[in-house]
Amino acid sequence: MKKILPVEEGDFYLSEEGYRVFTKEYHLKRGYCCESSCRHCPYGYNAKTNMQ
């Protein structure tokens, strides 16, 4: 079962376009890859091959 973590200060920053960008530390704290091609994904997900 996937954990739902509350978003805390330092877990993300806002891009120039106003989007929330999660940090590598947040992804590691969450503990799994969401397969959304996140900018700071520490799990190595590749959207082109749909694999980690």
Protein backbone atom coordinates (compact mmCIF):
# COMPACT_ATOMS: atom_id res chain seq x y z
CA MET A 1 0.00 0.00 0.00
CA LYS A 2 1.33 3.44 -0.92
CA LYS A 3 1.99 5.93 1.85
CA ILE A 4 0.32 9.32 1.84
CA LEU A 5 2.69 11.88 3.33
CA PRO A 6 1.81 15.42 4.22
CA VAL A 7 3.78 17.92 2.16
CA GLU A 8 6.13 19.87 4.39
CA GLU A 9 8.35 22.90 3.91
CA GLY A 10 11.36 21.98 1.76
CA ASP A 11 9.59 19.09 -0.02
CA PHE A 12 9.02 21.16 -3.16
CA TYR A 13 9.68 24.47 -4.84
CA LEU A 14 7.66 26.44 -7.38
CA SER A 15 8.87 26.49 -10.97
CA GLU A 16 8.88 29.69 -13.02
CA GLU A 17 5.57 28.55 -14.49
CA GLY A 18 4.07 28.15 -11.00
CA TYR A 19 4.12 24.34 -10.82
CA ARG A 20 5.07 22.42 -7.69
CA VAL A 21 8.36 20.58 -8.26
CA PHE A 22 9.08 17.90 -5.68
CA THR A 23 12.65 17.48 -4.48
CA LYS A 24 14.73 14.30 -4.57
CA GLU A 25 14.51 14.18 -0.78
CA TYR A 26 10.71 14.17 -0.91
CA HIS A 27 10.67 11.31 -3.40
CA LEU A 28 13.03 9.28 -1.21
CA LYS A 29 10.92 10.03 1.88
CA ARG A 30 7.82 8.88 -0.01
CA GLY A 31 9.59 5.64 -0.89
CA TYR A 32 8.35 4.78 -4.38
CA CYS A 33 8.28 6.02 -7.97
CA CYS A 34 4.98 7.45 -9.22
CA GLU A 35 6.05 7.00 -12.88
CA SER A 36 5.22 10.60 -13.77
CA SER A 37 8.70 11.49 -15.10
CA CYS A 38 9.39 13.83 -12.17
CA ARG A 39 12.26 16.25 -12.66
CA HIS A 40 14.16 15.05 -9.55
CA CYS A 41 13.20 11.35 -9.59
CA PRO A 42 15.88 9.33 -7.73
CA TYR A 43 14.46 6.04 -9.04
CA GLY A 44 15.56 6.44 -12.66
CA TYR A 45 12.14 6.15 -14.30
CA ASN A 46 12.27 6.47 -18.08
CA ALA A 47 8.93 7.43 -19.69
CA LYS A 48 10.09 6.32 -23.16
CA THR A 49 10.69 2.73 -22.04
CA ASN A 50 8.16 2.82 -19.17
CA MET A 51 10.82 1.25 -16.95
CA GLN A 52 13.01 2.15 -14.00
